[in-house]
Amino acid sequence: MVYLTVRLNKDIKDGFFVFCENKGITLSSAVRLYVSEFVRRRGHITDSITPSSIARVSKEDATIGVRIERSLRDSFVDLCNNHNLPASYVVRDFMFGCVKNGAFPYGVLENGGIS
């Protein structure tokens, strides 16, 4: 296991923590599920990430560290690089979207996992 570390806006981190708590899942588990789905889809869920969505969380004043299998983290980072996106942008966009929309995207948590 290694860490996937992301710097982000404290308000997004706090909002995502509360969101996850209300859904009955830890922040780390939610990020791991999303990263797994991103890798399963070979990065084909990046179409919602735009410069404006990245800019919304550009004030980086907090950090999260998520324990994750090395091979999963490496696959995730490689796929992000293939889409010319830093992995931290992809994770921040996921967290921001969950807080903004009040739901996990892409079937995360449906039927106890990713659909």
PDB file of N, CA and C in Angstrom:
ATOM      1  N   MET A   1       0.844  -1.180   0.000  1.00  0.00           N
ATOM      2  CA  MET A   1       0.000   0.000   0.000  1.00  0.00           C
ATOM      3  C   MET A   1       0.887   1.241   0.000  1.00  0.00           C
ATOM      4  N   VAL A   2       0.425   2.229  -0.756  1.00  0.00           N
ATOM      5  CA  VAL A   2       1.094   3.526  -0.825  1.00  0.00           C
ATOM      6  C   VAL A   2       0.032   4.598  -0.625  1.00  0.00           C
ATOM      7  N   TYR A   3       0.458   5.831  -0.593  1.00  0.00           N
ATOM      8  CA  TYR A   3      -0.491   6.927  -0.436  1.00  0.00           C
ATOM      9  C   TYR A   3      -0.676   7.673  -1.746  1.00  0.00           C
ATOM     10  N   LEU A   4      -1.913   8.015  -2.019  1.00  0.00           N
ATOM     11  CA  LEU A   4      -2.272   8.962  -3.064  1.00  0.00           C
ATOM     12  C   LEU A   4      -2.565  10.253  -2.303  1.00  0.00           C
ATOM     13  N   THR A   5      -1.716  11.250  -2.472  1.00  0.00           N
ATOM     14  CA  THR A   5      -1.835  12.495  -1.723  1.00  0.00           C
ATOM     15  C   THR A   5      -2.324  13.593  -2.643  1.00  0.00           C
ATOM     16  N   VAL A   6      -3.316  14.343  -2.164  1.00  0.00           N
ATOM     17  CA  VAL A   6      -3.922  15.408  -2.957  1.00  0.00           C
ATOM     18  C   VAL A   6      -4.028  16.663  -2.096  1.00  0.00           C
ATOM     19  N   ARG A   7      -3.573  17.780  -2.648  1.00  0.00           N
ATOM     20  CA  ARG A   7      -3.777  19.073  -1.999  1.00  0.00           C
ATOM     21  C   ARG A   7      -5.044  19.683  -2.568  1.00  0.00           C
ATOM     22  N   LEU A   8      -5.839  20.294  -1.696  1.00  0.00           N
ATOM     23  CA  LEU A   8      -7.109  20.841  -2.152  1.00  0.00           C
ATOM     24  C   LEU A   8      -7.608  21.924  -1.211  1.00  0.00           C
ATOM     25  N   ASN A   9      -8.663  22.563  -1.623  1.00  0.00           N
ATOM     26  CA  ASN A   9      -9.323  23.601  -0.843  1.00  0.00           C
ATOM     27  C   ASN A   9      -9.935  22.970   0.401  1.00  0.00           C
ATOM     28  N   LYS A  10      -9.702  23.581   1.550  1.00  0.00           N
ATOM     29  CA  LYS A  10     -10.215  23.045   2.812  1.00  0.00           C
ATOM     30  C   LYS A  10     -11.735  22.925   2.796  1.00  0.00           C
ATOM     31  N   ASP A  11     -12.428  23.870   2.177  1.00  0.00           N
ATOM     32  CA  ASP A  11     -13.887  23.804   2.129  1.00  0.00           C
ATOM     33  C   ASP A  11     -14.363  22.577   1.352  1.00  0.00           C
ATOM     34  N   ILE A  12     -13.682  22.240   0.270  1.00  0.00           N
ATOM     35  CA  ILE A  12     -14.041  21.045  -0.505  1.00  0.00           C
ATOM     36  C   ILE A  12     -13.761  19.799   0.327  1.00  0.00           C
ATOM     37  N   LYS A  13     -12.606  19.756   0.983  1.00  0.00           N
ATOM     38  CA  LYS A  13     -12.273  18.598   1.825  1.00  0.00           C
ATOM     39  C   LYS A  13     -13.326  18.413   2.917  1.00  0.00           C
ATOM     40  N   ASP A  14     -13.646  19.486   3.611  1.00  0.00           N
ATOM     41  CA  ASP A  14     -14.621  19.401   4.695  1.00  0.00           C
ATOM     42  C   ASP A  14     -16.008  19.026   4.180  1.00  0.00           C
ATOM     43  N   GLY A  15     -16.406  19.621   3.064  1.00  0.00           N
ATOM     44  CA  GLY A  15     -17.704  19.302   2.477  1.00  0.00           C
ATOM     45  C   GLY A  15     -17.778  17.858   2.020  1.00  0.00           C
ATOM     46  N   PHE A  16     -16.701  17.352   1.429  1.00  0.00           N
ATOM     47  CA  PHE A  16     -16.672  15.967   0.970  1.00  0.00           C
ATOM     48  C   PHE A  16     -16.687  15.010   2.155  1.00  0.00           C
ATOM     49  N   PHE A  17     -15.993  15.371   3.230  1.00  0.00           N
ATOM     50  CA  PHE A  17     -15.997  14.542   4.435  1.00  0.00           C
ATOM     51  C   PHE A  17     -17.420  14.404   4.975  1.00  0.00           C
ATOM     52  N   VAL A  18     -18.140  15.505   5.085  1.00  0.00           N
ATOM     53  CA  VAL A  18     -19.528  15.475   5.573  1.00  0.00           C
ATOM     54  C   VAL A  18     -20.415  14.691   4.610  1.00  0.00           C
ATOM     55  N   PHE A  19     -20.234  14.923   3.313  1.00  0.00           N
ATOM     56  CA  PHE A  19     -20.992  14.200   2.289  1.00  0.00           C
ATOM     57  C   PHE A  19     -20.799  12.694   2.461  1.00  0.00           C
ATOM     58  N   CYS A  20     -19.545  12.251   2.585  1.00  0.00           N
ATOM     59  CA  CYS A  20     -19.257  10.824   2.736  1.00  0.00           C
ATOM     60  C   CYS A  20     -19.842  10.278   4.033  1.00  0.00           C
ATOM     61  N   GLU A  21     -19.708  11.036   5.092  1.00  0.00           N
ATOM     62  CA  GLU A  21     -20.264  10.619   6.379  1.00  0.00           C
ATOM     63  C   GLU A  21     -21.772  10.392   6.266  1.00  0.00           C
ATOM     64  N   ASN A  22     -22.447  11.288   5.582  1.00  0.00           N
ATOM     65  CA  ASN A  22     -23.897  11.152   5.385  1.00  0.00           C
ATOM     66  C   ASN A  22     -24.258   9.947   4.514  1.00  0.00           C
ATOM     67  N   LYS A  23     -23.335   9.532   3.651  1.00  0.00           N
ATOM     68  CA  LYS A  23     -23.561   8.370   2.791  1.00  0.00           C
ATOM     69  C   LYS A  23     -23.104   7.070   3.441  1.00  0.00           C
ATOM     70  N   GLY A  24     -22.460   7.173   4.617  1.00  0.00           N
ATOM     71  CA  GLY A  24     -22.021   5.979   5.325  1.00  0.00           C
ATOM     72  C   GLY A  24     -20.742   5.364   4.794  1.00  0.00           C
ATOM     73  N   ILE A  25     -19.866   6.185   4.266  1.00  0.00           N
ATOM     74  CA  ILE A  25     -18.597   5.705   3.721  1.00  0.00           C
ATOM     75  C   ILE A  25     -17.499   6.673   4.133  1.00  0.00           C
ATOM     76  N   THR A  26     -16.295   6.169   4.270  1.00  0.00           N
ATOM     77  CA  THR A  26     -15.191   7.056   4.611  1.00  0.00           C
ATOM     78  C   THR A  26     -14.717   7.800   3.362  1.00  0.00           C
ATOM     79  N   LEU A  27     -14.087   8.930   3.585  1.00  0.00           N
ATOM     80  CA  LEU A  27     -13.514   9.708   2.487  1.00  0.00           C
ATOM     81  C   LEU A  27     -12.530   8.841   1.699  1.00  0.00           C
ATOM     82  N   SER A  28     -11.674   8.134   2.399  1.00  0.00           N
ATOM     83  CA  SER A  28     -10.677   7.289   1.727  1.00  0.00           C
ATOM     84  C   SER A  28     -11.321   6.199   0.878  1.00  0.00           C
ATOM     85  N   SER A  29     -12.350   5.554   1.411  1.00  0.00           N
ATOM     86  CA  SER A  29     -13.035   4.499   0.647  1.00  0.00           C
ATOM     87  C   SER A  29     -13.686   5.067  -0.602  1.00  0.00           C
ATOM     88  N   ALA A  30     -14.289   6.240  -0.484  1.00  0.00           N
ATOM     89  CA  ALA A  30     -14.934   6.864  -1.645  1.00  0.00           C
ATOM     90  C   ALA A  30     -13.911   7.181  -2.728  1.00  0.00           C
ATOM     91  N   VAL A  31     -12.770   7.719  -2.344  1.00  0.00           N
ATOM     92  CA  VAL A  31     -11.733   8.042  -3.333  1.00  0.00           C
ATOM     93  C   VAL A  31     -11.190   6.767  -3.959  1.00  0.00           C
ATOM     94  N   ARG A  32     -10.956   5.731  -3.148  1.00  0.00           N
ATOM     95  CA  ARG A  32     -10.478   4.461  -3.703  1.00  0.00           C
ATOM     96  C   ARG A  32     -11.476   3.881  -4.703  1.00  0.00           C
ATOM     97  N   LEU A  33     -12.768   3.915  -4.381  1.00  0.00           N
ATOM     98  CA  LEU A  33     -13.786   3.420  -5.313  1.00  0.00           C
ATOM     99  C   LEU A  33     -13.769   4.205  -6.623  1.00  0.00           C
ATOM    100  N   TYR A  34     -13.653   5.524  -6.512  1.00  0.00           N
ATOM    101  CA  TYR A  34     -13.621   6.356  -7.715  1.00  0.00           C
ATOM    102  C   TYR A  34     -12.383   6.046  -8.564  1.00  0.00           C
ATOM    103  N   VAL A  35     -11.223   5.945  -7.921  1.00  0.00           N
ATOM    104  CA  VAL A  35      -9.992   5.649  -8.650  1.00  0.00           C
ATOM    105  C   VAL A  35     -10.112   4.289  -9.345  1.00  0.00           C
ATOM    106  N   SER A  36     -10.693   3.312  -8.657  1.00  0.00           N
ATOM    107  CA  SER A  36     -10.898   1.987  -9.264  1.00  0.00           C
ATOM    108  C   SER A  36     -11.788   2.082 -10.495  1.00  0.00           C
ATOM    109  N   GLU A  37     -12.854   2.879 -10.396  1.00  0.00           N
ATOM    110  CA  GLU A  37     -13.762   3.032 -11.537  1.00  0.00           C
ATOM    111  C   GLU A  37     -13.073   3.775 -12.681  1.00  0.00           C
ATOM    112  N   PHE A  38     -12.293   4.770 -12.361  1.00  0.00           N
ATOM    113  CA  PHE A  38     -11.541   5.515 -13.366  1.00  0.00           C
ATOM    114  C   PHE A  38     -10.621   4.567 -14.143  1.00  0.00           C
ATOM    115  N   VAL A  39      -9.921   3.708 -13.410  1.00  0.00           N
ATOM    116  CA  VAL A  39      -9.012   2.756 -14.052  1.00  0.00           C
ATOM    117  C   VAL A  39      -9.803   1.723 -14.848  1.00  0.00           C
ATOM    118  N   ARG A  40     -10.917   1.231 -14.280  1.00  0.00           N
ATOM    119  CA  ARG A  40     -11.741   0.240 -14.991  1.00  0.00           C
ATOM    120  C   ARG A  40     -12.235   0.800 -16.322  1.00  0.00           C
ATOM    121  N   ARG A  41     -12.583   2.070 -16.330  1.00  0.00           N
ATOM    122  CA  ARG A  41     -13.076   2.717 -17.556  1.00  0.00           C
ATOM    123  C   ARG A  41     -11.934   3.270 -18.417  1.00  0.00           C
ATOM    124  N   ARG A  42     -10.706   2.971 -18.038  1.00  0.00           N
ATOM    125  CA  ARG A  42      -9.513   3.397 -18.778  1.00  0.00           C
ATOM    126  C   ARG A  42      -9.464   4.916 -18.945  1.00  0.00           C
ATOM    127  N   GLY A  43      -9.942   5.633 -17.935  1.00  0.00           N
ATOM    128  CA  GLY A  43      -9.871   7.084 -17.945  1.00  0.00           C
ATOM    129  C   GLY A  43     -10.940   7.766 -18.757  1.00  0.00           C
ATOM    130  N   HIS A  44     -11.934   7.022 -19.226  1.00  0.00           N
ATOM    131  CA  HIS A  44     -12.974   7.606 -20.076  1.00  0.00           C
ATOM    132  C   HIS A  44     -14.077   8.288 -19.277  1.00  0.00           C
ATOM    133  N   ILE A  45     -13.716   8.869 -18.147  1.00  0.00           N
ATOM    134  CA  ILE A  45     -14.674   9.658 -17.380  1.00  0.00           C
ATOM    135  C   ILE A  45     -14.115  11.048 -17.118  1.00  0.00           C
ATOM    136  N   THR A  46     -13.155  11.441 -17.930  1.00  0.00           N
ATOM    137  CA  THR A  46     -12.523  12.743 -17.736  1.00  0.00           C
ATOM    138  C   THR A  46     -13.201  13.847 -18.530  1.00  0.00           C
ATOM    139  N   ASP A  47     -14.244  13.515 -19.287  1.00  0.00           N
ATOM    140  CA  ASP A  47     -14.857  14.521 -20.148  1.00  0.00           C
ATOM    141  C   ASP A  47     -15.510  15.657 -19.366  1.00  0.00           C
ATOM    142  N   SER A  48     -15.807  15.442 -18.091  1.00  0.00           N
ATOM    143  CA  SER A  48     -16.423  16.507 -17.298  1.00  0.00           C
ATOM    144  C   SER A  48     -15.387  17.451 -16.705  1.00  0.00           C
ATOM    145  N   ILE A  49     -14.116  17.091 -16.817  1.00  0.00           N
ATOM    146  CA  ILE A  49     -13.074  17.916 -16.224  1.00  0.00           C
ATOM    147  C   ILE A  49     -12.646  18.967 -17.243  1.00  0.00           C
ATOM    148  N   THR A  50     -12.886  20.191 -16.898  1.00  0.00           N
ATOM    149  CA  THR A  50     -12.560  21.318 -17.766  1.00  0.00           C
ATOM    150  C   THR A  50     -11.697  22.291 -16.981  1.00  0.00           C
ATOM    151  N   PRO A  51     -11.026  23.206 -17.677  1.00  0.00           N
ATOM    152  CA  PRO A  51     -10.243  24.203 -16.935  1.00  0.00           C
ATOM    153  C   PRO A  51     -11.074  24.954 -15.906  1.00  0.00           C
ATOM    154  N   SER A  52     -12.351  25.210 -16.192  1.00  0.00           N
ATOM    155  CA  SER A  52     -13.168  25.933 -15.215  1.00  0.00           C
ATOM    156  C   SER A  52     -13.462  25.071 -13.994  1.00  0.00           C
ATOM    157  N   SER A  53     -13.629  23.747 -14.177  1.00  0.00           N
ATOM    158  CA  SER A  53     -13.882  22.904 -13.014  1.00  0.00           C
ATOM    159  C   SER A  53     -12.624  22.778 -12.168  1.00  0.00           C
ATOM    160  N   ILE A  54     -11.478  22.813 -12.804  1.00  0.00           N
ATOM    161  CA  ILE A  54     -10.223  22.771 -12.071  1.00  0.00           C
ATOM    162  C   ILE A  54     -10.026  24.075 -11.307  1.00  0.00           C
ATOM    163  N   ALA A  55     -10.359  25.181 -11.927  1.00  0.00           N
ATOM    164  CA  ALA A  55     -10.167  26.489 -11.297  1.00  0.00           C
ATOM    165  C   ALA A  55     -11.024  26.647 -10.048  1.00  0.00           C
ATOM    166  N   ARG A  56     -12.174  25.995 -10.001  1.00  0.00           N
ATOM    167  CA  ARG A  56     -13.060  26.126  -8.843  1.00  0.00           C
ATOM    168  C   ARG A  56     -12.397  25.689  -7.548  1.00  0.00           C
ATOM    169  N   VAL A  57     -11.398  24.847  -7.636  1.00  0.00           N
ATOM    170  CA  VAL A  57     -10.744  24.342  -6.430  1.00  0.00           C
ATOM    171  C   VAL A  57      -9.255  24.667  -6.449  1.00  0.00           C
ATOM    172  N   SER A  58      -8.910  25.800  -7.015  1.00  0.00           N
ATOM    173  CA  SER A  58      -7.497  26.123  -7.172  1.00  0.00           C
ATOM    174  C   SER A  58      -6.833  26.595  -5.884  1.00  0.00           C
ATOM    175  N   LYS A  59      -7.604  27.057  -4.905  1.00  0.00           N
ATOM    176  CA  LYS A  59      -7.021  27.473  -3.635  1.00  0.00           C
ATOM    177  C   LYS A  59      -6.749  26.218  -2.818  1.00  0.00           C
ATOM    178  N   GLU A  60      -5.492  25.846  -2.744  1.00  0.00           N
ATOM    179  CA  GLU A  60      -5.112  24.585  -2.113  1.00  0.00           C
ATOM    180  C   GLU A  60      -4.570  24.844  -0.715  1.00  0.00           C
ATOM    181  N   ASP A  61      -5.365  24.548   0.291  1.00  0.00           N
ATOM    182  CA  ASP A  61      -4.916  24.795   1.642  1.00  0.00           C
ATOM    183  C   ASP A  61      -5.148  23.619   2.586  1.00  0.00           C
ATOM    184  N   ALA A  62      -5.384  22.444   2.056  1.00  0.00           N
ATOM    185  CA  ALA A  62      -5.552  21.233   2.856  1.00  0.00           C
ATOM    186  C   ALA A  62      -4.961  20.058   2.073  1.00  0.00           C
ATOM    187  N   THR A  63      -4.765  18.950   2.742  1.00  0.00           N
ATOM    188  CA  THR A  63      -4.202  17.756   2.108  1.00  0.00           C
ATOM    189  C   THR A  63      -4.971  16.526   2.577  1.00  0.00           C
ATOM    190  N   ILE A  64      -5.177  15.585   1.646  1.00  0.00           N
ATOM    191  CA  ILE A  64      -5.686  14.269   2.021  1.00  0.00           C
ATOM    192  C   ILE A  64      -4.662  13.237   1.563  1.00  0.00           C
ATOM    193  N   GLY A  65      -4.590  12.162   2.299  1.00  0.00           N
ATOM    194  CA  GLY A  65      -3.755  11.034   1.926  1.00  0.00           C
ATOM    195  C   GLY A  65      -4.600   9.780   1.985  1.00  0.00           C
ATOM    196  N   VAL A  66      -4.689   9.081   0.870  1.00  0.00           N
ATOM    197  CA  VAL A  66      -5.528   7.883   0.781  1.00  0.00           C
ATOM    198  C   VAL A  66      -4.620   6.684   0.535  1.00  0.00           C
ATOM    199  N   ARG A  67      -4.712   5.705   1.429  1.00  0.00           N
ATOM    200  CA  ARG A  67      -3.940   4.463   1.236  1.00  0.00           C
ATOM    201  C   ARG A  67      -4.569   3.683   0.088  1.00  0.00           C
ATOM    202  N   ILE A  68      -3.712   3.239  -0.823  1.00  0.00           N
ATOM    203  CA  ILE A  68      -4.188   2.586  -2.034  1.00  0.00           C
ATOM    204  C   ILE A  68      -3.110   1.603  -2.509  1.00  0.00           C
ATOM    205  N   GLU A  69      -3.523   0.572  -3.186  1.00  0.00           N
ATOM    206  CA  GLU A  69      -2.554  -0.375  -3.733  1.00  0.00           C
ATOM    207  C   GLU A  69      -1.666   0.335  -4.750  1.00  0.00           C
ATOM    208  N   ARG A  70      -0.387   0.020  -4.702  1.00  0.00           N
ATOM    209  CA  ARG A  70       0.577   0.683  -5.589  1.00  0.00           C
ATOM    210  C   ARG A  70       0.190   0.531  -7.062  1.00  0.00           C
ATOM    211  N   SER A  71      -0.201  -0.662  -7.459  1.00  0.00           N
ATOM    212  CA  SER A  71      -0.525  -0.881  -8.875  1.00  0.00           C
ATOM    213  C   SER A  71      -1.741  -0.058  -9.300  1.00  0.00           C
ATOM    214  N   LEU A  72      -2.725   0.099  -8.404  1.00  0.00           N
ATOM    215  CA  LEU A  72      -3.902   0.907  -8.722  1.00  0.00           C
ATOM    216  C   LEU A  72      -3.525   2.383  -8.825  1.00  0.00           C
ATOM    217  N   ARG A  73      -2.727   2.858  -7.879  1.00  0.00           N
ATOM    218  CA  ARG A  73      -2.291   4.252  -7.942  1.00  0.00           C
ATOM    219  C   ARG A  73      -1.493   4.517  -9.208  1.00  0.00           C
ATOM    220  N   ASP A  74      -0.575   3.621  -9.538  1.00  0.00           N
ATOM    221  CA  ASP A  74       0.251   3.811 -10.728  1.00  0.00           C
ATOM    222  C   ASP A  74      -0.589   3.807 -12.001  1.00  0.00           C
ATOM    223  N   SER A  75      -1.566   2.898 -12.082  1.00  0.00           N
ATOM    224  CA  SER A  75      -2.457   2.865 -13.248  1.00  0.00           C
ATOM    225  C   SER A  75      -3.266   4.147 -13.349  1.00  0.00           C
ATOM    226  N   PHE A  76      -3.767   4.624 -12.222  1.00  0.00           N
ATOM    227  CA  PHE A  76      -4.540   5.869 -12.183  1.00  0.00           C
ATOM    228  C   PHE A  76      -3.697   7.053 -12.656  1.00  0.00           C
ATOM    229  N   VAL A  77      -2.507   7.183 -12.121  1.00  0.00           N
ATOM    230  CA  VAL A  77      -1.632   8.298 -12.497  1.00  0.00           C
ATOM    231  C   VAL A  77      -1.274   8.214 -13.978  1.00  0.00           C
ATOM    232  N   ASP A  78      -0.971   7.023 -14.477  1.00  0.00           N
ATOM    233  CA  ASP A  78      -0.648   6.856 -15.896  1.00  0.00           C
ATOM    234  C   ASP A  78      -1.821   7.268 -16.789  1.00  0.00           C
ATOM    235  N   LEU A  79      -3.028   6.847 -16.434  1.00  0.00           N
ATOM    236  CA  LEU A  79      -4.203   7.214 -17.228  1.00  0.00           C
ATOM    237  C   LEU A  79      -4.450   8.718 -17.190  1.00  0.00           C
ATOM    238  N   CYS A  80      -4.282   9.315 -16.028  1.00  0.00           N
ATOM    239  CA  CYS A  80      -4.433  10.774 -15.936  1.00  0.00           C
ATOM    240  C   CYS A  80      -3.416  11.465 -16.834  1.00  0.00           C
ATOM    241  N   ASN A  81      -2.182  11.005 -16.794  1.00  0.00           N
ATOM    242  CA  ASN A  81      -1.143  11.583 -17.653  1.00  0.00           C
ATOM    243  C   ASN A  81      -1.494  11.414 -19.124  1.00  0.00           C
ATOM    244  N   ASN A  82      -2.080  10.273 -19.495  1.00  0.00           N
ATOM    245  CA  ASN A  82      -2.492  10.052 -20.892  1.00  0.00           C
ATOM    246  C   ASN A  82      -3.547  11.062 -21.337  1.00  0.00           C
ATOM    247  N   HIS A  83      -4.320  11.584 -20.384  1.00  0.00           N
ATOM    248  CA  HIS A  83      -5.346  12.588 -20.675  1.00  0.00           C
ATOM    249  C   HIS A  83      -4.848  14.001 -20.395  1.00  0.00           C
ATOM    250  N   ASN A  84      -3.536  14.114 -20.162  1.00  0.00           N
ATOM    251  CA  ASN A  84      -2.903  15.407 -19.880  1.00  0.00           C
ATOM    252  C   ASN A  84      -3.518  16.116 -18.680  1.00  0.00           C
ATOM    253  N   LEU A  85      -3.858  15.336 -17.670  1.00  0.00           N
ATOM    254  CA  LEU A  85      -4.424  15.879 -16.438  1.00  0.00           C
ATOM    255  C   LEU A  85      -3.635  15.362 -15.239  1.00  0.00           C
ATOM    256  N   PRO A  86      -3.240  16.240 -14.336  1.00  0.00           N
ATOM    257  CA  PRO A  86      -2.640  15.739 -13.099  1.00  0.00           C
ATOM    258  C   PRO A  86      -3.672  14.926 -12.308  1.00  0.00           C
ATOM    259  N   ALA A  87      -3.229  13.854 -11.686  1.00  0.00           N
ATOM    260  CA  ALA A  87      -4.135  13.003 -10.912  1.00  0.00           C
ATOM    261  C   ALA A  87      -4.855  13.798  -9.828  1.00  0.00           C
ATOM    262  N   SER A  88      -4.179  14.759  -9.242  1.00  0.00           N
ATOM    263  CA  SER A  88      -4.810  15.555  -8.181  1.00  0.00           C
ATOM    264  C   SER A  88      -6.006  16.338  -8.717  1.00  0.00           C
ATOM    265  N   TYR A  89      -5.947  16.825  -9.952  1.00  0.00           N
ATOM    266  CA  TYR A  89      -7.090  17.534 -10.550  1.00  0.00           C
ATOM    267  C   TYR A  89      -8.294  16.613 -10.664  1.00  0.00           C
ATOM    268  N   VAL A  90      -8.032  15.377 -11.087  1.00  0.00           N
ATOM    269  CA  VAL A  90      -9.117  14.414 -11.289  1.00  0.00           C
ATOM    270  C   VAL A  90      -9.794  14.101  -9.952  1.00  0.00           C
ATOM    271  N   VAL A  91      -9.007  13.886  -8.912  1.00  0.00           N
ATOM    272  CA  VAL A  91      -9.576  13.586  -7.591  1.00  0.00           C
ATOM    273  C   VAL A  91     -10.327  14.797  -7.056  1.00  0.00           C
ATOM    274  N   ARG A  92      -9.742  15.991  -7.185  1.00  0.00           N
ATOM    275  CA  ARG A  92     -10.424  17.201  -6.705  1.00  0.00           C
ATOM    276  C   ARG A  92     -11.740  17.413  -7.441  1.00  0.00           C
ATOM    277  N   ASP A  93     -11.757  17.177  -8.734  1.00  0.00           N
ATOM    278  CA  ASP A  93     -12.981  17.354  -9.507  1.00  0.00           C
ATOM    279  C   ASP A  93     -14.061  16.367  -9.055  1.00  0.00           C
ATOM    280  N   PHE A  94     -13.656  15.125  -8.779  1.00  0.00           N
ATOM    281  CA  PHE A  94     -14.583  14.125  -8.259  1.00  0.00           C
ATOM    282  C   PHE A  94     -15.192  14.598  -6.941  1.00  0.00           C
ATOM    283  N   MET A  95     -14.352  15.039  -6.027  1.00  0.00           N
ATOM    284  CA  MET A  95     -14.831  15.471  -4.720  1.00  0.00           C
ATOM    285  C   MET A  95     -15.750  16.678  -4.849  1.00  0.00           C
ATOM    286  N   PHE A  96     -15.352  17.646  -5.668  1.00  0.00           N
ATOM    287  CA  PHE A  96     -16.170  18.843  -5.878  1.00  0.00           C
ATOM    288  C   PHE A  96     -17.533  18.461  -6.458  1.00  0.00           C
ATOM    289  N   GLY A  97     -17.539  17.563  -7.443  1.00  0.00           N
ATOM    290  CA  GLY A  97     -18.790  17.129  -8.056  1.00  0.00           C
ATOM    291  C   GLY A  97     -19.720  16.434  -7.081  1.00  0.00           C
ATOM    292  N   CYS A  98     -19.169  15.625  -6.193  1.00  0.00           N
ATOM    293  CA  CYS A  98     -19.991  14.942  -5.192  1.00  0.00           C
ATOM    294  C   CYS A  98     -20.666  15.954  -4.280  1.00  0.00           C
ATOM    295  N   VAL A  99     -19.897  16.928  -3.813  1.00  0.00           N
ATOM    296  CA  VAL A  99     -20.442  17.940  -2.912  1.00  0.00           C
ATOM    297  C   VAL A  99     -21.479  18.793  -3.643  1.00  0.00           C
ATOM    298  N   LYS A 100     -21.158  19.209  -4.854  1.00  0.00           N
ATOM    299  CA  LYS A 100     -22.050  20.084  -5.628  1.00  0.00           C
ATOM    300  C   LYS A 100     -23.361  19.384  -5.988  1.00  0.00           C
ATOM    301  N   ASN A 101     -23.264  18.120  -6.430  1.00  0.00           N
ATOM    302  CA  ASN A 101     -24.434  17.404  -6.930  1.00  0.00           C
ATOM    303  C   ASN A 101     -25.135  16.557  -5.874  1.00  0.00           C
ATOM    304  N   GLY A 102     -24.515  16.385  -4.732  1.00  0.00           N
ATOM    305  CA  GLY A 102     -25.117  15.590  -3.659  1.00  0.00           C
ATOM    306  C   GLY A 102     -25.198  14.108  -3.968  1.00  0.00           C
ATOM    307  N   ALA A 103     -24.353  13.627  -4.877  1.00  0.00           N
ATOM    308  CA  ALA A 103     -24.381  12.215  -5.256  1.00  0.00           C
ATOM    309  C   ALA A 103     -23.019  11.794  -5.800  1.00  0.00           C
ATOM    310  N   PHE A 104     -22.733  10.508  -5.674  1.00  0.00           N
ATOM    311  CA  PHE A 104     -21.527   9.958  -6.281  1.00  0.00           C
ATOM    312  C   PHE A 104     -21.791   9.731  -7.772  1.00  0.00           C
ATOM    313  N   PRO A 105     -20.832  10.028  -8.626  1.00  0.00           N
ATOM    314  CA  PRO A 105     -21.017   9.770 -10.057  1.00  0.00           C
ATOM    315  C   PRO A 105     -20.697   8.325 -10.433  1.00  0.00           C
ATOM    316  N   TYR A 106     -21.101   7.924 -11.605  1.00  0.00           N
ATOM    317  CA  TYR A 106     -20.668   6.679 -12.245  1.00  0.00           C
ATOM    318  C   TYR A 106     -21.011   5.417 -11.474  1.00  0.00           C
ATOM    319  N   GLY A 107     -22.089   5.450 -10.707  1.00  0.00           N
ATOM    320  CA  GLY A 107     -22.515   4.248 -10.006  1.00  0.00           C
ATOM    321  C   GLY A 107     -21.741   3.916  -8.757  1.00  0.00           C
ATOM    322  N   VAL A 108     -20.863   4.821  -8.282  1.00  0.00           N
ATOM    323  CA  VAL A 108     -20.152   4.559  -7.039  1.00  0.00           C
ATOM    324  C   VAL A 108     -21.177   4.387  -5.941  1.00  0.00           C
ATOM    325  N   LEU A 109     -21.082   3.316  -5.212  1.00  0.00           N
ATOM    326  CA  LEU A 109     -21.939   2.946  -4.073  1.00  0.00           C
ATOM    327  C   LEU A 109     -23.266   2.321  -4.444  1.00  0.00           C
ATOM    328  N   GLU A 110     -23.609   2.240  -5.726  1.00  0.00           N
ATOM    329  CA  GLU A 110     -24.843   1.554  -6.081  1.00  0.00           C
ATOM    330  C   GLU A 110     -24.670   0.064  -5.826  1.00  0.00           C
ATOM    331  N   ASN A 111     -25.620  -0.535  -5.167  1.00  0.00           N
ATOM    332  CA  ASN A 111     -25.584  -1.969  -4.838  1.00  0.00           C
ATOM    333  C   ASN A 111     -24.313  -2.331  -4.077  1.00  0.00           C
ATOM    334  N   GLY A 112     -23.860  -1.435  -3.203  1.00  0.00           N
ATOM    335  CA  GLY A 112     -22.715  -1.730  -2.358  1.00  0.00           C
ATOM    336  C   GLY A 112     -21.378  -1.565  -3.027  1.00  0.00           C
ATOM    337  N   GLY A 113     -21.324  -1.011  -4.181  1.00  0.00           N
ATOM    338  CA  GLY A 113     -20.032  -0.825  -4.841  1.00  0.00           C
ATOM    339  C   GLY A 113     -20.226  -0.065  -6.136  1.00  0.00           C
ATOM    340  N   ILE A 114     -19.338  -0.300  -7.052  1.00  0.00           N
ATOM    341  CA  ILE A 114     -19.374   0.388  -8.341  1.00  0.00           C
ATOM    342  C   ILE A 114     -20.108  -0.479  -9.339  1.00  0.00           C
ATOM    343  N   SER A 115     -21.019   0.152 -10.062  1.00  0.00           N
ATOM    344  CA  SER A 115     -21.769  -0.615 -11.058  1.00  0.00           C
ATOM    345  C   SER A 115     -21.083  -0.558 -12.402  1.00  0.00           C
TER     346      SER A 115
END
